[in-house]
Amino acid sequence: MSGKVSTLAAQEGAVSTSFEERSVWIQLISQLVGMGAYAAVAGPR
């Protein structure tokens, strides 16, 4: 019975992410997109 509970808790932990973690991922992606746009504009000059 405890195996079921720990497995369920592990599945929930793997699926749900905290607000802070999602915020970090969004910041990372935004920075990469911004750097790519900057390189596309400033690179040819």
PDB file of N, CA and C in Angstrom:
ATOM      1  N   MET A   1       0.818  -1.188   0.000  1.00  0.00           N
ATOM      2  CA  MET A   1       0.000   0.000   0.000  1.00  0.00           C
ATOM      3  C   MET A   1       0.865   1.256   0.000  1.00  0.00           C
ATOM      4  N   SER A   2       1.934   1.280   0.749  1.00  0.00           N
ATOM      5  CA  SER A   2       2.782   2.469   0.760  1.00  0.00           C
ATOM      6  C   SER A   2       3.485   2.643  -0.583  1.00  0.00           C
ATOM      7  N   GLY A   3       3.688   1.546  -1.320  1.00  0.00           N
ATOM      8  CA  GLY A   3       4.287   1.634  -2.643  1.00  0.00           C
ATOM      9  C   GLY A   3       3.405   2.412  -3.606  1.00  0.00           C
ATOM     10  N   LYS A   4       2.087   2.203  -3.489  1.00  0.00           N
ATOM     11  CA  LYS A   4       1.146   2.940  -4.335  1.00  0.00           C
ATOM     12  C   LYS A   4       1.186   4.434  -4.032  1.00  0.00           C
ATOM     13  N   VAL A   5       1.229   4.772  -2.761  1.00  0.00           N
ATOM     14  CA  VAL A   5       1.221   6.173  -2.362  1.00  0.00           C
ATOM     15  C   VAL A   5       2.488   6.862  -2.833  1.00  0.00           C
ATOM     16  N   SER A   6       3.653   6.231  -2.645  1.00  0.00           N
ATOM     17  CA  SER A   6       4.899   6.871  -3.061  1.00  0.00           C
ATOM     18  C   SER A   6       4.974   6.983  -4.584  1.00  0.00           C
ATOM     19  N   THR A   7       4.434   5.995  -5.297  1.00  0.00           N
ATOM     20  CA  THR A   7       4.426   6.058  -6.754  1.00  0.00           C
ATOM     21  C   THR A   7       3.526   7.191  -7.222  1.00  0.00           C
ATOM     22  N   LEU A   8       2.378   7.347  -6.593  1.00  0.00           N
ATOM     23  CA  LEU A   8       1.457   8.422  -6.941  1.00  0.00           C
ATOM     24  C   LEU A   8       2.097   9.778  -6.650  1.00  0.00           C
ATOM     25  N   ALA A   9       2.760   9.901  -5.525  1.00  0.00           N
ATOM     26  CA  ALA A   9       3.422  11.155  -5.171  1.00  0.00           C
ATOM     27  C   ALA A   9       4.547  11.461  -6.150  1.00  0.00           C
ATOM     28  N   ALA A  10       5.273  10.451  -6.576  1.00  0.00           N
ATOM     29  CA  ALA A  10       6.364  10.650  -7.540  1.00  0.00           C
ATOM     30  C   ALA A  10       5.803  11.097  -8.879  1.00  0.00           C
ATOM     31  N   GLN A  11       4.672  10.525  -9.298  1.00  0.00           N
ATOM     32  CA  GLN A  11       4.065  10.918 -10.567  1.00  0.00           C
ATOM     33  C   GLN A  11       3.568  12.356 -10.501  1.00  0.00           C
ATOM     34  N   GLU A  12       2.969  12.730  -9.399  1.00  0.00           N
ATOM     35  CA  GLU A  12       2.484  14.095  -9.255  1.00  0.00           C
ATOM     36  C   GLU A  12       3.651  15.072  -9.246  1.00  0.00           C
ATOM     37  N   GLY A  13       4.748  14.720  -8.591  1.00  0.00           N
ATOM     38  CA  GLY A  13       5.909  15.588  -8.533  1.00  0.00           C
ATOM     39  C   GLY A  13       6.543  15.762  -9.899  1.00  0.00           C
ATOM     40  N   ALA A  14       6.506  14.743 -10.721  1.00  0.00           N
ATOM     41  CA  ALA A  14       7.107  14.813 -12.046  1.00  0.00           C
ATOM     42  C   ALA A  14       6.256  15.664 -12.990  1.00  0.00           C
ATOM     43  N   VAL A  15       4.959  15.668 -12.780  1.00  0.00           N
ATOM     44  CA  VAL A  15       4.060  16.381 -13.683  1.00  0.00           C
ATOM     45  C   VAL A  15       3.947  17.849 -13.309  1.00  0.00           C
ATOM     46  N   SER A  16       3.775  18.146 -12.030  1.00  0.00           N
ATOM     47  CA  SER A  16       3.570  19.529 -11.626  1.00  0.00           C
ATOM     48  C   SER A  16       4.903  20.236 -11.429  1.00  0.00           C
ATOM     49  N   THR A  17       4.975  21.459 -11.910  1.00  0.00           N
ATOM     50  CA  THR A  17       6.154  22.272 -11.701  1.00  0.00           C
ATOM     51  C   THR A  17       5.745  23.508 -10.915  1.00  0.00           C
ATOM     52  N   SER A  18       6.662  24.017 -10.150  1.00  0.00           N
ATOM     53  CA  SER A  18       6.354  25.185  -9.349  1.00  0.00           C
ATOM     54  C   SER A  18       6.333  26.425 -10.225  1.00  0.00           C
ATOM     55  N   PHE A  19       5.739  27.468  -9.718  1.00  0.00           N
ATOM     56  CA  PHE A  19       5.696  28.741 -10.438  1.00  0.00           C
ATOM     57  C   PHE A  19       7.101  29.249 -10.688  1.00  0.00           C
ATOM     58  N   GLU A  20       7.979  29.081  -9.703  1.00  0.00           N
ATOM     59  CA  GLU A  20       9.352  29.550  -9.831  1.00  0.00           C
ATOM     60  C   GLU A  20      10.084  28.822 -10.958  1.00  0.00           C
ATOM     61  N   GLU A  21       9.889  27.508 -11.061  1.00  0.00           N
ATOM     62  CA  GLU A  21      10.554  26.733 -12.105  1.00  0.00           C
ATOM     63  C   GLU A  21      10.045  27.129 -13.492  1.00  0.00           C
ATOM     64  N   ARG A  22       8.740  27.305 -13.623  1.00  0.00           N
ATOM     65  CA  ARG A  22       8.185  27.742 -14.913  1.00  0.00           C
ATOM     66  C   ARG A  22       8.708  29.128 -15.275  1.00  0.00           C
ATOM     67  N   SER A  23       8.815  29.991 -14.278  1.00  0.00           N
ATOM     68  CA  SER A  23       9.327  31.339 -14.514  1.00  0.00           C
ATOM     69  C   SER A  23      10.768  31.300 -15.015  1.00  0.00           C
ATOM     70  N   VAL A  24      11.586  30.438 -14.435  1.00  0.00           N
ATOM     71  CA  VAL A  24      12.983  30.306 -14.870  1.00  0.00           C
ATOM     72  C   VAL A  24      13.056  29.810 -16.305  1.00  0.00           C
ATOM     73  N   TRP A  25      12.234  28.833 -16.664  1.00  0.00           N
ATOM     74  CA  TRP A  25      12.229  28.319 -18.041  1.00  0.00           C
ATOM     75  C   TRP A  25      11.799  29.403 -19.025  1.00  0.00           C
ATOM     76  N   ILE A  26      10.786  30.182 -18.654  1.00  0.00           N
ATOM     77  CA  ILE A  26      10.322  31.260 -19.530  1.00  0.00           C
ATOM     78  C   ILE A  26      11.413  32.308 -19.708  1.00  0.00           C
ATOM     79  N   GLN A  27      12.131  32.638 -18.626  1.00  0.00           N
ATOM     80  CA  GLN A  27      13.228  33.597 -18.717  1.00  0.00           C
ATOM     81  C   GLN A  27      14.330  33.076 -19.632  1.00  0.00           C
ATOM     82  N   LEU A  28      14.669  31.812 -19.500  1.00  0.00           N
ATOM     83  CA  LEU A  28      15.721  31.219 -20.328  1.00  0.00           C
ATOM     84  C   LEU A  28      15.346  31.264 -21.808  1.00  0.00           C
ATOM     85  N   ILE A  29      14.136  30.855 -22.122  1.00  0.00           N
ATOM     86  CA  ILE A  29      13.678  30.845 -23.513  1.00  0.00           C
ATOM     87  C   ILE A  29      13.629  32.270 -24.061  1.00  0.00           C
ATOM     88  N   SER A  30      13.150  33.206 -23.247  1.00  0.00           N
ATOM     89  CA  SER A  30      13.084  34.602 -23.687  1.00  0.00           C
ATOM     90  C   SER A  30      14.471  35.157 -23.974  1.00  0.00           C
ATOM     91  N   GLN A  31      15.427  34.848 -23.132  1.00  0.00           N
ATOM     92  CA  GLN A  31      16.793  35.317 -23.350  1.00  0.00           C
ATOM     93  C   GLN A  31      17.386  34.727 -24.620  1.00  0.00           C
ATOM     94  N   LEU A  32      17.149  33.451 -24.859  1.00  0.00           N
ATOM     95  CA  LEU A  32      17.665  32.816 -26.072  1.00  0.00           C
ATOM     96  C   LEU A  32      17.043  33.427 -27.327  1.00  0.00           C
ATOM     97  N   VAL A  33      15.750  33.682 -27.284  1.00  0.00           N
ATOM     98  CA  VAL A  33      15.075  34.305 -28.428  1.00  0.00           C
ATOM     99  C   VAL A  33      15.607  35.716 -28.633  1.00  0.00           C
ATOM    100  N   GLY A  34      15.776  36.464 -27.540  1.00  0.00           N
ATOM    101  CA  GLY A  34      16.296  37.826 -27.635  1.00  0.00           C
ATOM    102  C   GLY A  34      17.713  37.869 -28.176  1.00  0.00           C
ATOM    103  N   MET A  35      18.554  36.959 -27.730  1.00  0.00           N
ATOM    104  CA  MET A  35      19.937  36.911 -28.229  1.00  0.00           C
ATOM    105  C   MET A  35      19.970  36.510 -29.700  1.00  0.00           C
ATOM    106  N   GLY A  36      19.081  35.600 -30.097  1.00  0.00           N
ATOM    107  CA  GLY A  36      18.999  35.205 -31.498  1.00  0.00           C
ATOM    108  C   GLY A  36      18.555  36.363 -32.379  1.00  0.00           C
ATOM    109  N   ALA A  37      17.574  37.129 -31.911  1.00  0.00           N
ATOM    110  CA  ALA A  37      17.114  38.287 -32.677  1.00  0.00           C
ATOM    111  C   ALA A  37      18.216  39.331 -32.767  1.00  0.00           C
ATOM    112  N   TYR A  38      18.914  39.563 -31.679  1.00  0.00           N
ATOM    113  CA  TYR A  38      20.017  40.530 -31.684  1.00  0.00           C
ATOM    114  C   TYR A  38      21.115  40.095 -32.666  1.00  0.00           C
ATOM    115  N   ALA A  39      21.459  38.813 -32.635  1.00  0.00           N
ATOM    116  CA  ALA A  39      22.492  38.302 -33.535  1.00  0.00           C
ATOM    117  C   ALA A  39      22.057  38.413 -34.999  1.00  0.00           C
ATOM    118  N   ALA A  40      20.763  38.208 -35.251  1.00  0.00           N
ATOM    119  CA  ALA A  40      20.253  38.305 -36.628  1.00  0.00           C
ATOM    120  C   ALA A  40      20.301  39.746 -37.141  1.00  0.00           C
ATOM    121  N   VAL A  41      20.076  40.708 -36.253  1.00  0.00           N
ATOM    122  CA  VAL A  41      20.073  42.101 -36.669  1.00  0.00           C
ATOM    123  C   VAL A  41      21.485  42.672 -36.666  1.00  0.00           C
ATOM    124  N   ALA A  42      22.254  42.454 -35.616  1.00  0.00           N
ATOM    125  CA  ALA A  42      23.577  43.050 -35.465  1.00  0.00           C
ATOM    126  C   ALA A  42      24.661  42.261 -36.172  1.00  0.00           C
ATOM    127  N   GLY A  43      24.433  40.990 -36.435  1.00  0.00           N
ATOM    128  CA  GLY A  43      25.448  40.150 -37.054  1.00  0.00           C
ATOM    129  C   GLY A  43      25.866  40.605 -38.438  1.00  0.00           C
ATOM    130  N   PRO A  44      24.915  40.866 -39.313  1.00  0.00           N
ATOM    131  CA  PRO A  44      25.289  41.294 -40.669  1.00  0.00           C
ATOM    132  C   PRO A  44      26.008  42.639 -40.733  1.00  0.00           C
ATOM    133  N   ARG A  45      25.834  43.467 -39.735  1.00  0.00           N
ATOM    134  CA  ARG A  45      26.467  44.794 -39.749  1.00  0.00           C
ATOM    135  C   ARG A  45      27.882  44.602 -39.417  1.00  0.00           C
TER     136      ARG A  45
END
